[in-house]
Amino acid sequence: MRRLLAEGDVAAAGEILGRPHRVVGEVVHGEHRGRELGYPTANMSQDSLGILPADGVYAGWLVRRGLPEGHPDRRLPAAVSVGTNPTFDGVRRVLESYVLDRTDLDLYGEQVGVELVERIRPTLRFSSVDELLDAMSSDVERTRAVLGVTAP
């Protein structure tokens, strides 16, 4: 299992577990760079529970553990990034989730679970913010396809 996660193969890890691999923790403030780029992210606390997979972008679900089952905002489709944000010379590994098509969420302080379904691509260093934004747009579309979610 650890080897699969180290390789970023969360799909195979999920098959073994019988459910998606998940990381659970509190949403904390990050650099707020995602919001500035039009992709606000929920950053997981450094003391979250669960093994982080290989750096990369993943299709997954953000589960708001404080909301009851059946609540429409309990389980939300997300493009998830694990890594150091090399385009911005980051050094600390973070897990951050962009909930598709949602800019209205205030998740700070909430306990959430991030369920990782499939790796979309490895982490890359982009030469410009525009190049990064193009990749993020593609990541969102690929995430939609993996999760079977349509744009609003």
C-alpha atoms as a PDB file:
ATOM      1  CA  MET A   1       0.000   0.000   0.000  1.00  0.00           C
ATOM      2  CA  ARG A   2       2.752   2.482   0.940  1.00  0.00           C
ATOM      3  CA  ARG A   3       4.574   1.688  -2.300  1.00  0.00           C
ATOM      4  CA  LEU A   4       1.441   2.393  -4.340  1.00  0.00           C
ATOM      5  CA  LEU A   5       0.950   5.738  -2.591  1.00  0.00           C
ATOM      6  CA  ALA A   6       4.634   6.623  -3.024  1.00  0.00           C
ATOM      7  CA  GLU A   7       4.121   6.013  -6.755  1.00  0.00           C
ATOM      8  CA  GLY A   8       0.923   8.088  -6.796  1.00  0.00           C
ATOM      9  CA  ASP A   9      -1.240   5.100  -7.680  1.00  0.00           C
ATOM     10  CA  VAL A  10      -4.175   6.053  -5.462  1.00  0.00           C
ATOM     11  CA  ALA A  11      -6.571   4.126  -7.713  1.00  0.00           C
ATOM     12  CA  ALA A  12      -4.828   0.807  -6.946  1.00  0.00           C
ATOM     13  CA  ALA A  13      -4.566   1.736  -3.257  1.00  0.00           C
ATOM     14  CA  GLY A  14      -8.307   2.419  -3.269  1.00  0.00           C
ATOM     15  CA  GLU A  15      -9.003  -1.004  -4.764  1.00  0.00           C
ATOM     16  CA  ILE A  16      -7.085  -2.648  -1.924  1.00  0.00           C
ATOM     17  CA  LEU A  17      -8.820  -0.503   0.704  1.00  0.00           C
ATOM     18  CA  GLY A  18     -12.257  -0.964  -0.826  1.00  0.00           C
ATOM     19  CA  ARG A  19     -12.677   2.835  -0.785  1.00  0.00           C
ATOM     20  CA  PRO A  20     -10.647   5.852  -1.929  1.00  0.00           C
ATOM     21  CA  HIS A  21      -7.458   6.588   0.011  1.00  0.00           C
ATOM     22  CA  ARG A  22      -8.120   9.579   2.262  1.00  0.00           C
ATOM     23  CA  VAL A  23      -6.335  12.220   4.277  1.00  0.00           C
ATOM     24  CA  VAL A  24      -8.251  13.818   7.153  1.00  0.00           C
ATOM     25  CA  GLY A  25      -7.542  17.102   8.892  1.00  0.00           C
ATOM     26  CA  GLU A  26      -8.364  20.730   9.492  1.00  0.00           C
ATOM     27  CA  VAL A  27      -8.523  23.334   6.731  1.00  0.00           C
ATOM     28  CA  VAL A  28      -5.956  26.061   7.436  1.00  0.00           C
ATOM     29  CA  HIS A  29      -4.835  29.279   5.783  1.00  0.00           C
ATOM     30  CA  GLY A  30      -2.242  28.908   3.050  1.00  0.00           C
ATOM     31  CA  GLU A  31      -0.575  31.459   0.807  1.00  0.00           C
ATOM     32  CA  HIS A  32      -3.968  32.498  -0.686  1.00  0.00           C
ATOM     33  CA  ARG A  33      -2.353  32.205  -4.118  1.00  0.00           C
ATOM     34  CA  GLY A  34      -5.109  29.926  -5.441  1.00  0.00           C
ATOM     35  CA  ARG A  35      -7.784  32.502  -4.646  1.00  0.00           C
ATOM     36  CA  GLU A  36      -5.756  35.156  -6.492  1.00  0.00           C
ATOM     37  CA  LEU A  37      -5.557  32.841  -9.526  1.00  0.00           C
ATOM     38  CA  GLY A  38      -9.294  32.090  -9.535  1.00  0.00           C
ATOM     39  CA  TYR A  39      -8.915  28.627  -7.985  1.00  0.00           C
ATOM     40  CA  PRO A  40      -9.409  29.020  -4.223  1.00  0.00           C
ATOM     41  CA  THR A  41      -8.071  25.995  -2.386  1.00  0.00           C
ATOM     42  CA  ALA A  42      -8.672  24.371   0.978  1.00  0.00           C
ATOM     43  CA  ASN A  43      -5.240  23.675   2.473  1.00  0.00           C
ATOM     44  CA  MET A  44      -4.895  20.765   4.882  1.00  0.00           C
ATOM     45  CA  SER A  45      -3.081  21.192   8.175  1.00  0.00           C
ATOM     46  CA  GLN A  46       0.441  19.781   8.358  1.00  0.00           C
ATOM     47  CA  ASP A  47      -0.715  17.443  11.151  1.00  0.00           C
ATOM     48  CA  SER A  48      -3.444  15.812   9.055  1.00  0.00           C
ATOM     49  CA  LEU A  49      -3.941  12.065   9.351  1.00  0.00           C
ATOM     50  CA  GLY A  50      -3.169   9.828   6.407  1.00  0.00           C
ATOM     51  CA  ILE A  51      -0.255   9.217   4.095  1.00  0.00           C
ATOM     52  CA  LEU A  52       0.312  11.813   1.404  1.00  0.00           C
ATOM     53  CA  PRO A  53       0.762  10.188  -1.994  1.00  0.00           C
ATOM     54  CA  ALA A  54       3.449  11.174  -4.503  1.00  0.00           C
ATOM     55  CA  ASP A  55       3.464  14.812  -5.540  1.00  0.00           C
ATOM     56  CA  GLY A  56       0.961  15.481  -8.277  1.00  0.00           C
ATOM     57  CA  VAL A  57      -2.575  16.495  -9.154  1.00  0.00           C
ATOM     58  CA  TYR A  58      -5.426  14.144  -8.300  1.00  0.00           C
ATOM     59  CA  ALA A  59      -9.150  13.874  -8.916  1.00  0.00           C
ATOM     60  CA  GLY A  60     -10.983  13.441  -5.653  1.00  0.00           C
ATOM     61  CA  TRP A  61     -13.689  14.420  -3.229  1.00  0.00           C
ATOM     62  CA  LEU A  62     -13.608  16.879  -0.343  1.00  0.00           C
ATOM     63  CA  VAL A  63     -15.861  15.577   2.422  1.00  0.00           C
ATOM     64  CA  ARG A  64     -17.083  18.074   5.013  1.00  0.00           C
ATOM     65  CA  ARG A  65     -17.208  15.842   8.059  1.00  0.00           C
ATOM     66  CA  GLY A  66     -19.284  18.276  10.132  1.00  0.00           C
ATOM     67  CA  LEU A  67     -22.219  18.166   7.734  1.00  0.00           C
ATOM     68  CA  PRO A  68     -24.774  15.353   7.920  1.00  0.00           C
ATOM     69  CA  GLU A  69     -24.941  12.568   5.326  1.00  0.00           C
ATOM     70  CA  GLY A  70     -27.187  13.653   2.478  1.00  0.00           C
ATOM     71  CA  HIS A  71     -26.406  17.380   2.849  1.00  0.00           C
ATOM     72  CA  PRO A  72     -25.758  18.751  -0.672  1.00  0.00           C
ATOM     73  CA  ASP A  73     -22.413  20.303   0.381  1.00  0.00           C
ATOM     74  CA  ARG A  74     -21.097  17.304   2.334  1.00  0.00           C
ATOM     75  CA  ARG A  75     -19.181  15.593  -0.514  1.00  0.00           C
ATOM     76  CA  LEU A  76     -17.790  17.930  -3.158  1.00  0.00           C
ATOM     77  CA  PRO A  77     -15.779  17.153  -6.324  1.00  0.00           C
ATOM     78  CA  ALA A  78     -12.239  18.515  -6.134  1.00  0.00           C
ATOM     79  CA  ALA A  79      -8.990  18.815  -8.039  1.00  0.00           C
ATOM     80  CA  VAL A  80      -6.323  18.097  -5.431  1.00  0.00           C
ATOM     81  CA  SER A  81      -2.678  19.134  -5.511  1.00  0.00           C
ATOM     82  CA  VAL A  82       0.004  17.466  -3.413  1.00  0.00           C
ATOM     83  CA  GLY A  83       3.459  19.010  -3.489  1.00  0.00           C
ATOM     84  CA  THR A  84       5.634  22.048  -2.933  1.00  0.00           C
ATOM     85  CA  ASN A  85       4.256  24.396  -5.620  1.00  0.00           C
ATOM     86  CA  PRO A  86       7.552  24.566  -7.556  1.00  0.00           C
ATOM     87  CA  THR A  87       6.313  27.287  -9.923  1.00  0.00           C
ATOM     88  CA  PHE A  88       6.377  29.600  -6.890  1.00  0.00           C
ATOM     89  CA  ASP A  89       9.566  28.118  -5.388  1.00  0.00           C
ATOM     90  CA  GLY A  90       7.671  26.453  -2.558  1.00  0.00           C
ATOM     91  CA  VAL A  91       9.566  24.242  -0.137  1.00  0.00           C
ATOM     92  CA  ARG A  92       6.861  22.830   2.150  1.00  0.00           C
ATOM     93  CA  ARG A  93       4.742  19.903   0.934  1.00  0.00           C
ATOM     94  CA  VAL A  94       1.046  20.688   1.095  1.00  0.00           C
ATOM     95  CA  LEU A  95      -2.237  19.070   0.161  1.00  0.00           C
ATOM     96  CA  GLU A  96      -4.707  21.582  -1.214  1.00  0.00           C
ATOM     97  CA  SER A  97      -8.093  21.036  -2.829  1.00  0.00           C
ATOM     98  CA  TYR A  98      -9.972  23.200  -5.312  1.00  0.00           C
ATOM     99  CA  VAL A  99     -13.675  22.388  -5.035  1.00  0.00           C
ATOM    100  CA  LEU A 100     -14.908  22.491  -8.632  1.00  0.00           C
ATOM    101  CA  ASP A 101     -16.927  25.577  -9.550  1.00  0.00           C
ATOM    102  CA  ARG A 102     -17.151  26.861  -5.972  1.00  0.00           C
ATOM    103  CA  THR A 103     -15.713  30.172  -4.834  1.00  0.00           C
ATOM    104  CA  ASP A 104     -18.283  30.737  -2.072  1.00  0.00           C
ATOM    105  CA  LEU A 105     -16.999  28.241   0.516  1.00  0.00           C
ATOM    106  CA  ASP A 106     -15.353  29.298   3.790  1.00  0.00           C
ATOM    107  CA  LEU A 107     -13.856  26.065   5.084  1.00  0.00           C
ATOM    108  CA  TYR A 108     -11.243  27.452   7.514  1.00  0.00           C
ATOM    109  CA  GLY A 109     -11.256  25.498  10.754  1.00  0.00           C
ATOM    110  CA  GLU A 110     -13.437  22.691   9.386  1.00  0.00           C
ATOM    111  CA  GLN A 111     -12.468  19.035   9.680  1.00  0.00           C
ATOM    112  CA  VAL A 112     -12.525  17.548   6.193  1.00  0.00           C
ATOM    113  CA  GLY A 113     -11.549  14.357   4.490  1.00  0.00           C
ATOM    114  CA  VAL A 114      -9.933  14.399   1.070  1.00  0.00           C
ATOM    115  CA  GLU A 115     -10.608  11.181  -0.864  1.00  0.00           C
ATOM    116  CA  LEU A 116      -8.132  10.652  -3.693  1.00  0.00           C
ATOM    117  CA  VAL A 117      -9.566   8.754  -6.656  1.00  0.00           C
ATOM    118  CA  GLU A 118      -7.029   8.985  -9.504  1.00  0.00           C
ATOM    119  CA  ARG A 119      -3.764  10.756 -10.306  1.00  0.00           C
ATOM    120  CA  ILE A 120      -4.162  13.254 -13.122  1.00  0.00           C
ATOM    121  CA  ARG A 121      -0.505  14.223 -13.607  1.00  0.00           C
ATOM    122  CA  PRO A 122       2.778  14.711 -11.739  1.00  0.00           C
ATOM    123  CA  THR A 123       3.726  18.053 -10.191  1.00  0.00           C
ATOM    124  CA  LEU A 124       5.429  20.288 -12.730  1.00  0.00           C
ATOM    125  CA  ARG A 125       7.272  23.605 -12.622  1.00  0.00           C
ATOM    126  CA  PHE A 126       5.737  26.047 -15.097  1.00  0.00           C
ATOM    127  CA  SER A 127       7.633  28.920 -16.679  1.00  0.00           C
ATOM    128  CA  SER A 128       4.751  31.375 -16.273  1.00  0.00           C
ATOM    129  CA  VAL A 129       1.515  31.881 -14.375  1.00  0.00           C
ATOM    130  CA  ASP A 130      -0.390  31.710 -17.683  1.00  0.00           C
ATOM    131  CA  GLU A 131       1.120  28.285 -18.398  1.00  0.00           C
ATOM    132  CA  LEU A 132       0.115  27.165 -14.886  1.00  0.00           C
ATOM    133  CA  LEU A 133      -3.438  28.465 -15.375  1.00  0.00           C
ATOM    134  CA  ASP A 134      -3.761  26.540 -18.647  1.00  0.00           C
ATOM    135  CA  ALA A 135      -2.651  23.362 -16.876  1.00  0.00           C
ATOM    136  CA  MET A 136      -5.055  23.989 -13.984  1.00  0.00           C
ATOM    137  CA  SER A 137      -7.938  24.414 -16.418  1.00  0.00           C
ATOM    138  CA  SER A 138      -7.020  21.081 -18.036  1.00  0.00           C
ATOM    139  CA  ASP A 139      -6.708  19.482 -14.586  1.00  0.00           C
ATOM    140  CA  VAL A 140     -10.242  20.597 -13.711  1.00  0.00           C
ATOM    141  CA  GLU A 141     -11.644  19.161 -16.955  1.00  0.00           C
ATOM    142  CA  ARG A 142      -9.799  15.869 -16.423  1.00  0.00           C
ATOM    143  CA  THR A 143     -11.086  15.769 -12.827  1.00  0.00           C
ATOM    144  CA  ARG A 144     -14.646  16.232 -14.106  1.00  0.00           C
ATOM    145  CA  ALA A 145     -14.179  13.299 -16.480  1.00  0.00           C
ATOM    146  CA  VAL A 146     -12.718  11.005 -13.811  1.00  0.00           C
ATOM    147  CA  LEU A 147     -15.429  11.826 -11.272  1.00  0.00           C
ATOM    148  CA  GLY A 148     -18.301  11.940 -13.784  1.00  0.00           C
ATOM    149  CA  VAL A 149     -19.197  15.519 -12.870  1.00  0.00           C
ATOM    150  CA  THR A 150     -20.531  18.008 -15.411  1.00  0.00           C
ATOM    151  CA  ALA A 151     -19.935  21.764 -15.383  1.00  0.00           C
ATOM    152  CA  PRO A 152     -22.852  23.815 -14.037  1.00  0.00           C
END
